[in-house]
N, C-alpha and C. Protein backbone atom coordinates (compact mmCIF):
# COMPACT_ATOMS: atom_id res chain seq x y z
N UNK A 1 -8.19 22.76 3.39
CA UNK A 1 -6.88 22.29 3.80
C UNK A 1 -6.20 23.33 4.67
N UNK A 2 -6.53 24.60 4.47
CA UNK A 2 -5.92 25.65 5.28
C UNK A 2 -6.33 25.50 6.74
N UNK A 3 -7.55 25.06 7.00
CA UNK A 3 -8.01 24.86 8.37
C UNK A 3 -7.24 23.73 9.05
N UNK A 4 -6.71 22.81 8.26
CA UNK A 4 -5.94 21.69 8.80
C UNK A 4 -4.48 22.04 9.00
N UNK A 5 -4.07 23.23 8.55
CA UNK A 5 -2.69 23.66 8.71
C UNK A 5 -1.85 23.52 7.45
N UNK A 6 -2.49 23.21 6.34
CA UNK A 6 -1.77 23.08 5.07
C UNK A 6 -2.05 24.31 4.22
N UNK A 7 -1.03 25.11 3.99
CA UNK A 7 -1.19 26.28 3.13
C UNK A 7 0.13 26.57 2.44
N UNK A 8 0.05 27.32 1.38
CA UNK A 8 1.20 27.78 0.59
C UNK A 8 2.17 26.65 0.23
N UNK A 9 3.38 26.70 0.77
CA UNK A 9 4.42 25.73 0.42
C UNK A 9 4.09 24.31 0.83
N UNK A 10 3.45 24.16 1.97
CA UNK A 10 3.07 22.81 2.43
C UNK A 10 2.04 22.19 1.49
N UNK A 11 1.12 23.00 1.05
CA UNK A 11 0.08 22.50 0.14
C UNK A 11 0.69 22.05 -1.18
N UNK A 12 1.62 22.82 -1.70
CA UNK A 12 2.30 22.45 -2.95
C UNK A 12 3.11 21.17 -2.78
N UNK A 13 3.80 21.05 -1.66
CA UNK A 13 4.59 19.85 -1.38
C UNK A 13 3.70 18.61 -1.29
N UNK A 14 2.61 18.72 -0.55
CA UNK A 14 1.69 17.59 -0.40
C UNK A 14 1.09 17.20 -1.75
N UNK A 15 0.70 18.18 -2.54
CA UNK A 15 0.11 17.90 -3.85
C UNK A 15 1.10 17.21 -4.78
N UNK A 16 2.35 17.68 -4.79
CA UNK A 16 3.33 17.05 -5.67
C UNK A 16 3.68 15.63 -5.20
N UNK A 17 3.75 15.42 -3.91
CA UNK A 17 4.01 14.07 -3.40
C UNK A 17 2.84 13.13 -3.67
N UNK A 18 1.64 13.64 -3.59
CA UNK A 18 0.46 12.81 -3.91
C UNK A 18 0.47 12.41 -5.38
N UNK A 19 0.77 13.34 -6.24
CA UNK A 19 0.82 13.03 -7.68
C UNK A 19 1.93 12.03 -7.99
N UNK A 20 3.09 12.21 -7.37
CA UNK A 20 4.18 11.28 -7.63
C UNK A 20 3.86 9.88 -7.09
N UNK A 21 3.18 9.79 -5.95
CA UNK A 21 2.81 8.47 -5.45
C UNK A 21 1.77 7.81 -6.34
N UNK A 22 0.87 8.59 -6.92
CA UNK A 22 -0.11 8.04 -7.85
C UNK A 22 0.56 7.53 -9.11
N UNK A 23 1.54 8.26 -9.62
CA UNK A 23 2.28 7.82 -10.81
C UNK A 23 3.05 6.53 -10.51
N UNK A 24 3.70 6.49 -9.34
CA UNK A 24 4.43 5.27 -8.96
C UNK A 24 3.48 4.09 -8.83
N UNK A 25 2.28 4.33 -8.32
CA UNK A 25 1.29 3.26 -8.16
C UNK A 25 0.81 2.75 -9.51
N UNK A 26 0.69 3.61 -10.49
CA UNK A 26 0.18 3.21 -11.80
C UNK A 26 1.22 2.52 -12.66
N UNK A 27 2.50 2.79 -12.44
CA UNK A 27 3.57 2.17 -13.22
C UNK A 27 3.89 0.80 -12.62
N UNK A 28 3.79 -0.28 -13.40
CA UNK A 28 3.92 -1.64 -12.85
C UNK A 28 5.21 -1.92 -12.07
N UNK A 29 6.34 -1.42 -12.51
CA UNK A 29 7.60 -1.73 -11.83
C UNK A 29 7.72 -1.08 -10.46
N UNK A 30 7.02 0.00 -10.24
CA UNK A 30 7.12 0.72 -8.97
C UNK A 30 5.81 0.68 -8.19
N UNK A 31 4.94 -0.26 -8.54
CA UNK A 31 3.62 -0.33 -7.92
C UNK A 31 3.68 -0.55 -6.41
N UNK A 32 4.60 -1.37 -5.93
CA UNK A 32 4.65 -1.62 -4.49
C UNK A 32 5.08 -0.37 -3.73
N UNK A 33 6.03 0.39 -4.28
CA UNK A 33 6.43 1.64 -3.63
C UNK A 33 5.31 2.67 -3.69
N UNK A 34 4.61 2.70 -4.80
CA UNK A 34 3.48 3.61 -4.95
C UNK A 34 2.36 3.27 -3.98
N UNK A 35 2.12 1.98 -3.76
CA UNK A 35 1.09 1.57 -2.81
C UNK A 35 1.48 1.98 -1.40
N UNK A 36 2.74 1.87 -1.07
CA UNK A 36 3.21 2.29 0.24
C UNK A 36 3.01 3.79 0.43
N UNK A 37 3.40 4.59 -0.55
CA UNK A 37 3.21 6.04 -0.45
C UNK A 37 1.74 6.43 -0.46
N UNK A 38 0.96 5.76 -1.31
CA UNK A 38 -0.46 6.03 -1.37
C UNK A 38 -1.13 5.70 -0.04
N UNK A 39 -0.71 4.60 0.58
CA UNK A 39 -1.25 4.21 1.88
C UNK A 39 -0.92 5.24 2.95
N UNK A 40 0.29 5.74 2.91
CA UNK A 40 0.66 6.72 3.94
C UNK A 40 -0.08 8.05 3.74
N UNK A 41 -0.27 8.48 2.50
CA UNK A 41 -1.00 9.73 2.28
C UNK A 41 -2.47 9.59 2.62
N UNK A 42 -3.08 8.50 2.19
CA UNK A 42 -4.50 8.31 2.51
C UNK A 42 -4.71 8.07 4.00
N UNK A 43 -3.77 7.38 4.63
CA UNK A 43 -3.84 7.22 6.09
C UNK A 43 -3.72 8.55 6.80
N UNK A 44 -2.85 9.43 6.30
CA UNK A 44 -2.74 10.77 6.86
C UNK A 44 -4.00 11.59 6.67
N UNK A 45 -4.65 11.43 5.53
CA UNK A 45 -5.90 12.13 5.28
C UNK A 45 -6.99 11.65 6.24
N UNK A 46 -7.06 10.35 6.44
CA UNK A 46 -8.03 9.79 7.39
C UNK A 46 -7.76 10.33 8.78
N UNK A 47 -6.50 10.31 9.18
CA UNK A 47 -6.10 10.79 10.50
C UNK A 47 -6.44 12.26 10.70
N UNK A 48 -6.20 13.08 9.69
CA UNK A 48 -6.49 14.50 9.78
C UNK A 48 -7.98 14.75 9.96
N UNK A 49 -8.81 14.03 9.20
CA UNK A 49 -10.26 14.19 9.33
C UNK A 49 -10.75 13.73 10.70
N UNK A 50 -10.22 12.64 11.19
CA UNK A 50 -10.64 12.15 12.50
C UNK A 50 -10.20 13.12 13.59
N UNK A 51 -9.01 13.67 13.48
CA UNK A 51 -8.50 14.61 14.48
C UNK A 51 -9.36 15.88 14.53
N UNK A 52 -9.86 16.30 13.39
CA UNK A 52 -10.69 17.50 13.34
C UNK A 52 -12.16 17.20 13.63
N UNK A 53 -12.50 15.95 13.89
CA UNK A 53 -13.87 15.58 14.21
C UNK A 53 -14.76 15.44 12.98
N UNK A 54 -14.18 15.38 11.81
CA UNK A 54 -14.94 15.24 10.56
C UNK A 54 -14.92 13.78 10.11
N UNK A 55 -15.61 12.96 10.89
CA UNK A 55 -15.56 11.51 10.65
C UNK A 55 -16.12 11.13 9.28
N UNK A 56 -17.17 11.79 8.85
CA UNK A 56 -17.80 11.45 7.56
C UNK A 56 -16.86 11.74 6.40
N UNK A 57 -16.02 12.78 6.53
CA UNK A 57 -15.09 13.12 5.45
C UNK A 57 -13.92 12.13 5.38
N UNK A 58 -13.70 11.35 6.41
CA UNK A 58 -12.65 10.34 6.40
C UNK A 58 -13.04 9.08 5.67
N UNK A 59 -14.30 8.94 5.34
CA UNK A 59 -14.78 7.73 4.66
C UNK A 59 -14.24 7.66 3.23
N UNK A 60 -14.17 8.78 2.54
CA UNK A 60 -13.67 8.81 1.16
C UNK A 60 -12.25 8.26 1.03
N UNK A 61 -11.29 8.80 1.80
CA UNK A 61 -9.93 8.25 1.73
C UNK A 61 -9.85 6.79 2.17
N UNK A 62 -10.69 6.41 3.14
CA UNK A 62 -10.69 5.02 3.60
C UNK A 62 -11.17 4.07 2.50
N UNK A 63 -12.18 4.49 1.76
CA UNK A 63 -12.69 3.67 0.65
C UNK A 63 -11.63 3.57 -0.44
N UNK A 64 -10.98 4.69 -0.79
CA UNK A 64 -9.94 4.65 -1.82
C UNK A 64 -8.78 3.75 -1.40
N UNK A 65 -8.39 3.82 -0.15
CA UNK A 65 -7.31 2.98 0.34
C UNK A 65 -7.70 1.50 0.29
N UNK A 66 -8.91 1.20 0.67
CA UNK A 66 -9.40 -0.18 0.62
C UNK A 66 -9.44 -0.70 -0.82
N UNK A 67 -9.92 0.13 -1.74
CA UNK A 67 -9.98 -0.27 -3.14
C UNK A 67 -8.58 -0.50 -3.70
N UNK A 68 -7.62 0.34 -3.33
CA UNK A 68 -6.25 0.17 -3.81
C UNK A 68 -5.66 -1.16 -3.32
N UNK A 69 -5.85 -1.47 -2.04
CA UNK A 69 -5.30 -2.72 -1.51
C UNK A 69 -6.02 -3.94 -2.08
N UNK A 70 -7.32 -3.87 -2.24
CA UNK A 70 -8.05 -5.00 -2.84
C UNK A 70 -7.64 -5.17 -4.30
N UNK A 71 -7.46 -4.07 -5.02
CA UNK A 71 -7.03 -4.15 -6.41
C UNK A 71 -5.66 -4.80 -6.55
N UNK A 72 -4.73 -4.42 -5.68
CA UNK A 72 -3.40 -5.04 -5.70
C UNK A 72 -3.50 -6.52 -5.37
N UNK A 73 -4.31 -6.84 -4.38
CA UNK A 73 -4.44 -8.24 -3.97
C UNK A 73 -5.08 -9.08 -5.08
N UNK A 74 -6.07 -8.55 -5.77
CA UNK A 74 -6.72 -9.30 -6.85
C UNK A 74 -5.79 -9.48 -8.06
N UNK A 75 -5.02 -8.44 -8.36
CA UNK A 75 -4.15 -8.52 -9.53
C UNK A 75 -2.85 -9.26 -9.24
N UNK A 76 -2.30 -9.07 -8.05
CA UNK A 76 -1.03 -9.69 -7.65
C UNK A 76 -1.17 -10.28 -6.25
N UNK A 77 -1.76 -11.45 -6.10
CA UNK A 77 -1.99 -12.02 -4.76
C UNK A 77 -0.70 -12.26 -3.98
N UNK A 78 0.42 -12.44 -4.65
CA UNK A 78 1.68 -12.67 -3.96
C UNK A 78 2.17 -11.42 -3.24
N UNK A 79 1.58 -10.28 -3.51
CA UNK A 79 2.01 -9.05 -2.84
C UNK A 79 1.71 -9.08 -1.35
N UNK A 80 0.81 -9.91 -0.92
CA UNK A 80 0.50 -10.04 0.50
C UNK A 80 1.03 -11.35 1.06
N UNK A 81 2.17 -11.81 0.57
CA UNK A 81 2.73 -13.10 0.96
C UNK A 81 3.00 -13.20 2.44
N UNK A 82 3.34 -12.13 3.10
CA UNK A 82 3.67 -12.21 4.52
C UNK A 82 2.45 -12.53 5.37
N UNK A 83 1.26 -12.27 4.88
CA UNK A 83 0.06 -12.59 5.63
C UNK A 83 -0.28 -14.07 5.53
N UNK A 84 0.28 -14.76 4.56
CA UNK A 84 -0.03 -16.16 4.34
C UNK A 84 1.27 -16.96 4.34
N UNK A 85 2.12 -16.71 5.30
CA UNK A 85 3.47 -17.28 5.35
C UNK A 85 3.46 -18.80 5.39
N UNK A 86 2.55 -19.41 6.12
CA UNK A 86 2.52 -20.87 6.22
C UNK A 86 2.28 -21.54 4.87
N UNK A 87 1.40 -20.98 4.06
CA UNK A 87 1.11 -21.56 2.75
C UNK A 87 2.30 -21.42 1.81
N UNK A 88 3.03 -20.32 1.92
CA UNK A 88 4.19 -20.11 1.07
C UNK A 88 5.28 -21.11 1.41
N UNK A 89 5.51 -21.33 2.71
CA UNK A 89 6.57 -22.24 3.12
C UNK A 89 6.29 -23.67 2.65
N UNK A 90 5.08 -24.15 2.79
CA UNK A 90 4.79 -25.52 2.39
C UNK A 90 4.75 -25.67 0.88
N UNK A 91 4.39 -24.64 0.15
CA UNK A 91 4.33 -24.76 -1.30
C UNK A 91 5.72 -24.69 -1.93
N UNK A 92 6.72 -24.22 -1.20
CA UNK A 92 8.05 -24.10 -1.76
C UNK A 92 8.99 -25.19 -1.26
N UNK A 93 8.45 -26.20 -0.61
CA UNK A 93 9.29 -27.30 -0.17
C UNK A 93 9.76 -28.11 -1.38
N UNK A 94 11.00 -28.51 -1.35
CA UNK A 94 11.54 -29.32 -2.45
C UNK A 94 11.02 -30.74 -2.33
N UNK A 95 10.90 -31.45 -3.44
CA UNK A 95 10.45 -32.84 -3.40
C UNK A 95 11.41 -33.71 -2.60
N UNK A 96 10.87 -34.75 -1.99
CA UNK A 96 11.70 -35.66 -1.19
C UNK A 96 12.74 -36.34 -2.06
N UNK A 97 13.89 -36.62 -1.48
CA UNK A 97 14.94 -37.32 -2.19
C UNK A 97 15.89 -36.40 -2.94
N UNK A 98 15.63 -35.10 -2.93
CA UNK A 98 16.51 -34.18 -3.65
C UNK A 98 17.65 -33.69 -2.77
N UNK A 99 17.54 -33.94 -1.45
CA UNK A 99 18.58 -33.49 -0.54
C UNK A 99 18.37 -32.06 -0.08
N UNK A 100 17.41 -31.37 -0.65
CA UNK A 100 17.10 -30.00 -0.26
C UNK A 100 15.81 -30.00 0.55
N UNK A 101 15.79 -29.16 1.56
CA UNK A 101 14.59 -29.08 2.39
C UNK A 101 13.82 -27.81 2.14
N UNK A 102 14.41 -26.86 1.46
CA UNK A 102 13.75 -25.59 1.26
C UNK A 102 14.13 -25.02 -0.11
N UNK A 103 13.17 -24.65 -0.88
CA UNK A 103 13.44 -24.02 -2.17
C UNK A 103 13.12 -22.54 -2.07
N UNK A 104 14.07 -21.73 -2.39
CA UNK A 104 13.89 -20.29 -2.26
C UNK A 104 14.09 -19.62 -3.61
N UNK A 105 13.26 -18.66 -3.91
CA UNK A 105 13.39 -17.93 -5.16
C UNK A 105 14.61 -17.01 -5.15
N UNK A 106 15.00 -16.56 -3.96
CA UNK A 106 16.12 -15.61 -3.89
C UNK A 106 17.47 -16.30 -3.91
N UNK A 107 17.51 -17.59 -3.67
CA UNK A 107 18.79 -18.30 -3.62
C UNK A 107 19.28 -18.69 -5.00
């Protein structure tokens, strides 16, 4: 990590942020925030390896990131609702004759 420019205080900061993102990812109520932080750290790791020309070392973080996203999708498919927007809109339509054209969970 020192060759990448991470040493002393930066290394401690990165390590503590990685641990906190892992804890957030494991706790169900904060899983979405943890996934976001985990994605940014693993994406940064991939980017650092690619920038240094160490393409093979970038495969590990890429696999972990893929497994995290697939795990979230398998356990909570609604977490990727924005990718399937058309299906969500049609499934939340109110029945005919109710006077409502759209049923929303937030309303």
